[in-house]
Amino acid sequence: MTEQAAPRRRGRPRGGTDSRERIIAAAVDEFGEQGYEASTVRAIASRAGVDSALVHHYFGTKADLFAEAVGIPMRPDIDVPGILNGPRELVGERVVRYVLEAFEKPDVRRRGVVLIRTAIGSRLTTPLLAGFLSRELIGRIARALDVDDAELRATLVASQIAGLLVARYVIKLPALAAASVDELVTRVGPTVQRYLFG
């Protein structure tokens, strides 16, 4: 009687225990050399010496992999659709509340501030972060607006939010740092609303 090989389990990744770390290292290199837009999961997999299916198994989408590799503490690509749903007249307030409430969490704030500081002062990180935000945040908002100048409107929103984060959490301007989330939502939300729909 011959011994039969045990059937392979479905969904189990092929590769050594260091495959995940090799993928992250390859992603950092690929994103650094090619930028976010030009990088592909296939190229990252090739660089890591694994099948692209393994990249998807561990990380899902390119945005998931980028967030993991760079340490992005928020996921606009996942959260923006929910923010844009609901009463249209409150979208501006929901955008501001989403960002501020996330940054009020110590771990998100710590990672976010590091990423902002790095992006501002790095020729490598700035285009990576800009590419990610352009595609995953600004692009998603622009597509939802369905107007001729949607990209400009969405970019103005991003500039408003970026400025708010820098002033409150990096520079820590006293009055802004001391203000409550509710107060800032009330004051900044209408500006974001006007950018989007005014």
C-alpha atoms as a PDB file:
ATOM      1  CA  MET A   1       0.000   0.000   0.000  1.00  0.00           C
ATOM      2  CA  THR A   2       1.489   3.296  -1.078  1.00  0.00           C
ATOM      3  CA  GLU A   3       1.291   6.315   1.165  1.00  0.00           C
ATOM      4  CA  GLN A   4      -0.685   9.143  -0.363  1.00  0.00           C
ATOM      5  CA  ALA A   5       0.339  12.751   0.104  1.00  0.00           C
ATOM      6  CA  ALA A   6      -1.937  14.730   2.365  1.00  0.00           C
ATOM      7  CA  PRO A   7      -4.049  17.230   0.433  1.00  0.00           C
ATOM      8  CA  ARG A   8      -2.909  20.833   0.616  1.00  0.00           C
ATOM      9  CA  ARG A   9      -5.000  23.142   2.754  1.00  0.00           C
ATOM     10  CA  ARG A  10      -6.685  25.924   0.855  1.00  0.00           C
ATOM     11  CA  GLY A  11      -5.734  29.493   1.609  1.00  0.00           C
ATOM     12  CA  ARG A  12      -2.449  28.560   3.237  1.00  0.00           C
ATOM     13  CA  PRO A  13       0.351  30.762   1.917  1.00  0.00           C
ATOM     14  CA  ARG A  14       3.336  29.113   0.245  1.00  0.00           C
ATOM     15  CA  GLY A  15       6.683  30.451   1.272  1.00  0.00           C
ATOM     16  CA  GLY A  16       8.896  30.697   4.289  1.00  0.00           C
ATOM     17  CA  THR A  17       8.102  32.388   7.533  1.00  0.00           C
ATOM     18  CA  ASP A  18       9.983  35.497   6.393  1.00  0.00           C
ATOM     19  CA  SER A  19       7.809  36.041   3.295  1.00  0.00           C
ATOM     20  CA  ARG A  20       5.756  38.785   4.930  1.00  0.00           C
ATOM     21  CA  GLU A  21       8.847  40.717   6.000  1.00  0.00           C
ATOM     22  CA  ARG A  22      10.398  40.310   2.536  1.00  0.00           C
ATOM     23  CA  ILE A  23       7.221  41.676   0.948  1.00  0.00           C
ATOM     24  CA  ILE A  24       7.232  44.733   3.216  1.00  0.00           C
ATOM     25  CA  ALA A  25      10.923  45.382   2.503  1.00  0.00           C
ATOM     26  CA  ALA A  26      10.308  45.004  -1.230  1.00  0.00           C
ATOM     27  CA  ALA A  27       7.296  47.334  -1.018  1.00  0.00           C
ATOM     28  CA  VAL A  28       9.329  50.032   0.732  1.00  0.00           C
ATOM     29  CA  ASP A  29      11.986  49.786  -1.997  1.00  0.00           C
ATOM     30  CA  GLU A  30       9.468  49.714  -4.853  1.00  0.00           C
ATOM     31  CA  PHE A  31       7.381  52.603  -3.505  1.00  0.00           C
ATOM     32  CA  GLY A  32      10.573  54.554  -2.865  1.00  0.00           C
ATOM     33  CA  GLU A  33      11.886  54.069  -6.394  1.00  0.00           C
ATOM     34  CA  GLN A  34       8.658  54.160  -8.416  1.00  0.00           C
ATOM     35  CA  GLY A  35       6.256  56.214  -6.287  1.00  0.00           C
ATOM     36  CA  TYR A  36       2.815  55.073  -5.208  1.00  0.00           C
ATOM     37  CA  GLU A  37       1.044  55.367  -8.553  1.00  0.00           C
ATOM     38  CA  ALA A  38       3.647  53.519 -10.644  1.00  0.00           C
ATOM     39  CA  SER A  39       4.255  50.709  -8.164  1.00  0.00           C
ATOM     40  CA  THR A  40       2.365  47.466  -8.744  1.00  0.00           C
ATOM     41  CA  VAL A  41       1.690  44.451  -6.573  1.00  0.00           C
ATOM     42  CA  ARG A  42       3.232  42.274  -9.297  1.00  0.00           C
ATOM     43  CA  ALA A  43       6.486  44.255  -9.256  1.00  0.00           C
ATOM     44  CA  ILE A  44       6.632  44.159  -5.461  1.00  0.00           C
ATOM     45  CA  ALA A  45       6.040  40.401  -5.482  1.00  0.00           C
ATOM     46  CA  SER A  46       8.774  39.909  -8.065  1.00  0.00           C
ATOM     47  CA  ARG A  47      11.194  41.981  -6.007  1.00  0.00           C
ATOM     48  CA  ALA A  48      10.329  39.931  -2.904  1.00  0.00           C
ATOM     49  CA  GLY A  49      10.671  36.642  -4.786  1.00  0.00           C
ATOM     50  CA  VAL A  50       7.084  35.558  -4.115  1.00  0.00           C
ATOM     51  CA  ASP A  51       3.898  35.080  -6.097  1.00  0.00           C
ATOM     52  CA  SER A  52       1.631  38.127  -6.269  1.00  0.00           C
ATOM     53  CA  ALA A  53      -1.171  36.016  -4.766  1.00  0.00           C
ATOM     54  CA  LEU A  54       0.879  35.815  -1.579  1.00  0.00           C
ATOM     55  CA  VAL A  55       1.066  39.612  -1.426  1.00  0.00           C
ATOM     56  CA  HIS A  56      -2.723  39.781  -1.698  1.00  0.00           C
ATOM     57  CA  HIS A  57      -3.049  37.010   0.889  1.00  0.00           C
ATOM     58  CA  TYR A  58      -1.044  38.949   3.461  1.00  0.00           C
ATOM     59  CA  PHE A  59      -2.020  42.524   2.624  1.00  0.00           C
ATOM     60  CA  GLY A  60      -5.090  42.671   0.392  1.00  0.00           C
ATOM     61  CA  THR A  61      -4.813  45.707  -1.858  1.00  0.00           C
ATOM     62  CA  LYS A  62      -1.902  47.944  -2.833  1.00  0.00           C
ATOM     63  CA  ALA A  63      -3.296  50.591  -0.465  1.00  0.00           C
ATOM     64  CA  ASP A  64      -3.274  48.042   2.373  1.00  0.00           C
ATOM     65  CA  LEU A  65       0.342  47.176   1.630  1.00  0.00           C
ATOM     66  CA  PHE A  66       1.372  50.826   1.398  1.00  0.00           C
ATOM     67  CA  ALA A  67      -0.306  51.634   4.717  1.00  0.00           C
ATOM     68  CA  GLU A  68       1.529  48.731   6.348  1.00  0.00           C
ATOM     69  CA  ALA A  69       4.895  49.504   4.760  1.00  0.00           C
ATOM     70  CA  VAL A  70       4.857  53.231   5.469  1.00  0.00           C
ATOM     71  CA  GLY A  71       2.929  53.124   8.739  1.00  0.00           C
ATOM     72  CA  ILE A  72      -0.109  55.192   7.754  1.00  0.00           C
ATOM     73  CA  PRO A  73      -2.344  55.327  10.834  1.00  0.00           C
ATOM     74  CA  MET A  74      -5.592  56.134   8.963  1.00  0.00           C
ATOM     75  CA  ARG A  75      -7.225  54.500   5.968  1.00  0.00           C
ATOM     76  CA  PRO A  76      -9.107  57.064   3.875  1.00  0.00           C
ATOM     77  CA  ASP A  77      -9.434  54.520   1.073  1.00  0.00           C
ATOM     78  CA  ILE A  78     -11.637  52.461   3.403  1.00  0.00           C
ATOM     79  CA  ASP A  79     -13.336  55.199   5.429  1.00  0.00           C
ATOM     80  CA  VAL A  80     -14.130  57.934   2.876  1.00  0.00           C
ATOM     81  CA  PRO A  81     -17.152  56.186   1.288  1.00  0.00           C
ATOM     82  CA  GLY A  82     -18.877  56.029   4.673  1.00  0.00           C
ATOM     83  CA  ILE A  83     -18.017  59.656   5.394  1.00  0.00           C
ATOM     84  CA  LEU A  84     -19.544  60.786   2.106  1.00  0.00           C
ATOM     85  CA  ASN A  85     -22.775  58.878   2.759  1.00  0.00           C
ATOM     86  CA  GLY A  86     -25.510  60.433   4.838  1.00  0.00           C
ATOM     87  CA  PRO A  87     -26.890  63.973   4.820  1.00  0.00           C
ATOM     88  CA  ARG A  88     -25.016  65.973   2.181  1.00  0.00           C
ATOM     89  CA  GLU A  89     -25.135  69.179   4.203  1.00  0.00           C
ATOM     90  CA  LEU A  90     -23.047  67.579   6.979  1.00  0.00           C
ATOM     91  CA  VAL A  91     -20.267  66.014   4.884  1.00  0.00           C
ATOM     92  CA  GLY A  92     -17.802  68.792   5.765  1.00  0.00           C
ATOM     93  CA  GLU A  93     -18.343  68.253   9.472  1.00  0.00           C
ATOM     94  CA  ARG A  94     -18.031  64.471   9.098  1.00  0.00           C
ATOM     95  CA  VAL A  95     -14.704  64.825   7.258  1.00  0.00           C
ATOM     96  CA  VAL A  96     -13.238  67.055   9.970  1.00  0.00           C
ATOM     97  CA  ARG A  97     -14.595  64.888  12.793  1.00  0.00           C
ATOM     98  CA  TYR A  98     -13.230  61.706  11.213  1.00  0.00           C
ATOM     99  CA  VAL A  99      -9.693  63.095  11.017  1.00  0.00           C
ATOM    100  CA  LEU A 100      -9.647  64.792  14.410  1.00  0.00           C
ATOM    101  CA  GLU A 101     -11.196  61.892  16.303  1.00  0.00           C
ATOM    102  CA  ALA A 102      -8.645  59.561  14.745  1.00  0.00           C
ATOM    103  CA  PHE A 103      -5.751  61.850  15.740  1.00  0.00           C
ATOM    104  CA  GLU A 104      -7.050  62.099  19.293  1.00  0.00           C
ATOM    105  CA  LYS A 105      -6.109  58.425  19.731  1.00  0.00           C
ATOM    106  CA  PRO A 106      -2.533  58.413  21.094  1.00  0.00           C
ATOM    107  CA  ASP A 107      -1.205  55.691  18.772  1.00  0.00           C
ATOM    108  CA  VAL A 108      -2.701  57.279  15.663  1.00  0.00           C
ATOM    109  CA  ARG A 109      -1.443  60.714  16.706  1.00  0.00           C
ATOM    110  CA  ARG A 110       2.076  59.426  17.377  1.00  0.00           C
ATOM    111  CA  ARG A 111       2.344  57.618  14.049  1.00  0.00           C
ATOM    112  CA  GLY A 112       0.569  60.410  12.184  1.00  0.00           C
ATOM    113  CA  VAL A 113       2.864  63.123  13.505  1.00  0.00           C
ATOM    114  CA  VAL A 114       5.929  61.054  12.603  1.00  0.00           C
ATOM    115  CA  LEU A 115       4.576  60.553   9.091  1.00  0.00           C
ATOM    116  CA  ILE A 116       3.723  64.252   8.671  1.00  0.00           C
ATOM    117  CA  ARG A 117       7.137  65.377   9.911  1.00  0.00           C
ATOM    118  CA  THR A 118       8.855  62.863   7.636  1.00  0.00           C
ATOM    119  CA  ALA A 119       6.738  63.814   4.624  1.00  0.00           C
ATOM    120  CA  ILE A 120       7.433  67.520   5.069  1.00  0.00           C
ATOM    121  CA  GLY A 121      11.190  67.048   5.242  1.00  0.00           C
ATOM    122  CA  SER A 122      11.834  64.112   2.910  1.00  0.00           C
ATOM    123  CA  ARG A 123      12.220  64.059  -0.865  1.00  0.00           C
ATOM    124  CA  LEU A 124      11.311  60.367  -0.744  1.00  0.00           C
ATOM    125  CA  THR A 125       8.299  60.363   1.554  1.00  0.00           C
ATOM    126  CA  THR A 126       6.595  63.515   0.249  1.00  0.00           C
ATOM    127  CA  PRO A 127       5.782  62.147  -3.234  1.00  0.00           C
ATOM    128  CA  LEU A 128       4.824  58.761  -1.760  1.00  0.00           C
ATOM    129  CA  LEU A 129       2.331  60.301   0.639  1.00  0.00           C
ATOM    130  CA  ALA A 130       1.087  62.740  -2.010  1.00  0.00           C
ATOM    131  CA  GLY A 131       0.504  59.874  -4.435  1.00  0.00           C
ATOM    132  CA  PHE A 132      -1.367  57.836  -1.850  1.00  0.00           C
ATOM    133  CA  LEU A 133      -3.544  60.776  -0.803  1.00  0.00           C
ATOM    134  CA  SER A 134      -4.166  61.808  -4.413  1.00  0.00           C
ATOM    135  CA  ARG A 135      -5.451  58.384  -5.338  1.00  0.00           C
ATOM    136  CA  GLU A 136      -7.037  57.120  -2.138  1.00  0.00           C
ATOM    137  CA  LEU A 137      -8.419  60.319  -0.578  1.00  0.00           C
ATOM    138  CA  ILE A 138      -8.669  63.141  -3.108  1.00  0.00           C
ATOM    139  CA  GLY A 139      -9.568  60.841  -5.991  1.00  0.00           C
ATOM    140  CA  ARG A 140     -12.344  59.134  -4.046  1.00  0.00           C
ATOM    141  CA  ILE A 141     -13.843  62.425  -2.909  1.00  0.00           C
ATOM    142  CA  ALA A 142     -13.600  63.877  -6.421  1.00  0.00           C
ATOM    143  CA  ARG A 143     -15.378  60.880  -7.975  1.00  0.00           C
ATOM    144  CA  ALA A 144     -18.190  61.194  -5.442  1.00  0.00           C
ATOM    145  CA  LEU A 145     -18.724  64.903  -6.185  1.00  0.00           C
ATOM    146  CA  ASP A 146     -19.359  64.422  -9.924  1.00  0.00           C
ATOM    147  CA  VAL A 147     -18.667  68.061 -10.881  1.00  0.00           C
ATOM    148  CA  ASP A 148     -16.221  69.611 -13.366  1.00  0.00           C
ATOM    149  CA  ASP A 149     -13.808  71.000 -10.767  1.00  0.00           C
ATOM    150  CA  ALA A 150     -14.091  68.027  -8.406  1.00  0.00           C
ATOM    151  CA  GLU A 151     -10.340  67.422  -8.190  1.00  0.00           C
ATOM    152  CA  LEU A 152      -9.654  71.032  -7.184  1.00  0.00           C
ATOM    153  CA  ARG A 153     -12.423  70.895  -4.584  1.00  0.00           C
ATOM    154  CA  ALA A 154     -11.099  67.642  -3.129  1.00  0.00           C
ATOM    155  CA  THR A 155      -7.539  69.024  -3.110  1.00  0.00           C
ATOM    156  CA  LEU A 156      -8.697  72.112  -1.226  1.00  0.00           C
ATOM    157  CA  VAL A 157     -10.259  69.817   1.374  1.00  0.00           C
ATOM    158  CA  ALA A 158      -6.977  67.913   1.682  1.00  0.00           C
ATOM    159  CA  SER A 159      -5.032  71.168   2.074  1.00  0.00           C
ATOM    160  CA  GLN A 160      -7.419  72.348   4.799  1.00  0.00           C
ATOM    161  CA  ILE A 161      -7.135  69.079   6.711  1.00  0.00           C
ATOM    162  CA  ALA A 162      -3.349  68.907   6.299  1.00  0.00           C
ATOM    163  CA  GLY A 163      -2.982  72.451   7.593  1.00  0.00           C
ATOM    164  CA  LEU A 164      -5.238  71.700  10.549  1.00  0.00           C
ATOM    165  CA  LEU A 165      -3.234  68.603  11.474  1.00  0.00           C
ATOM    166  CA  VAL A 166       0.103  70.396  11.204  1.00  0.00           C
ATOM    167  CA  ALA A 167      -1.080  73.375  13.254  1.00  0.00           C
ATOM    168  CA  ARG A 168      -2.790  71.330  15.987  1.00  0.00           C
ATOM    169  CA  TYR A 169      -0.555  68.286  16.359  1.00  0.00           C
ATOM    170  CA  VAL A 170       2.879  69.216  14.968  1.00  0.00           C
ATOM    171  CA  ILE A 171       3.350  72.944  15.625  1.00  0.00           C
ATOM    172  CA  LYS A 172       0.783  72.818  18.462  1.00  0.00           C
ATOM    173  CA  LEU A 173      -0.470  76.377  18.184  1.00  0.00           C
ATOM    174  CA  PRO A 174      -1.845  76.925  21.725  1.00  0.00           C
ATOM    175  CA  ALA A 175      -5.436  77.976  21.017  1.00  0.00           C
ATOM    176  CA  LEU A 176      -5.847  75.355  18.308  1.00  0.00           C
ATOM    177  CA  ALA A 177      -4.264  72.603  20.401  1.00  0.00           C
ATOM    178  CA  ALA A 178      -6.529  73.496  23.352  1.00  0.00           C
ATOM    179  CA  ALA A 179      -9.776  73.598  21.344  1.00  0.00           C
ATOM    180  CA  SER A 180     -12.128  70.642  21.592  1.00  0.00           C
ATOM    181  CA  VAL A 181     -12.868  68.403  18.637  1.00  0.00           C
ATOM    182  CA  ASP A 182     -16.489  69.575  18.692  1.00  0.00           C
ATOM    183  CA  GLU A 183     -15.481  73.224  18.493  1.00  0.00           C
ATOM    184  CA  LEU A 184     -13.119  72.609  15.589  1.00  0.00           C
ATOM    185  CA  VAL A 185     -15.736  70.549  13.767  1.00  0.00           C
ATOM    186  CA  THR A 186     -18.184  73.444  14.171  1.00  0.00           C
ATOM    187  CA  ARG A 187     -15.681  76.046  12.951  1.00  0.00           C
ATOM    188  CA  VAL A 188     -13.787  74.156  10.224  1.00  0.00           C
ATOM    189  CA  GLY A 189     -16.584  71.905   8.975  1.00  0.00           C
ATOM    190  CA  PRO A 190     -18.412  74.693   7.098  1.00  0.00           C
ATOM    191  CA  THR A 191     -15.198  75.623   5.261  1.00  0.00           C
ATOM    192  CA  VAL A 192     -14.724  72.038   4.120  1.00  0.00           C
ATOM    193  CA  GLN A 193     -18.410  71.907   3.183  1.00  0.00           C
ATOM    194  CA  ARG A 194     -18.026  75.041   1.045  1.00  0.00           C
ATOM    195  CA  TYR A 195     -14.979  73.576  -0.708  1.00  0.00           C
ATOM    196  CA  LEU A 196     -16.966  70.467  -1.536  1.00  0.00           C
ATOM    197  CA  PHE A 197     -20.363  71.851  -2.470  1.00  0.00           C
ATOM    198  CA  GLY A 198     -20.205  75.675  -2.479  1.00  0.00           C
END
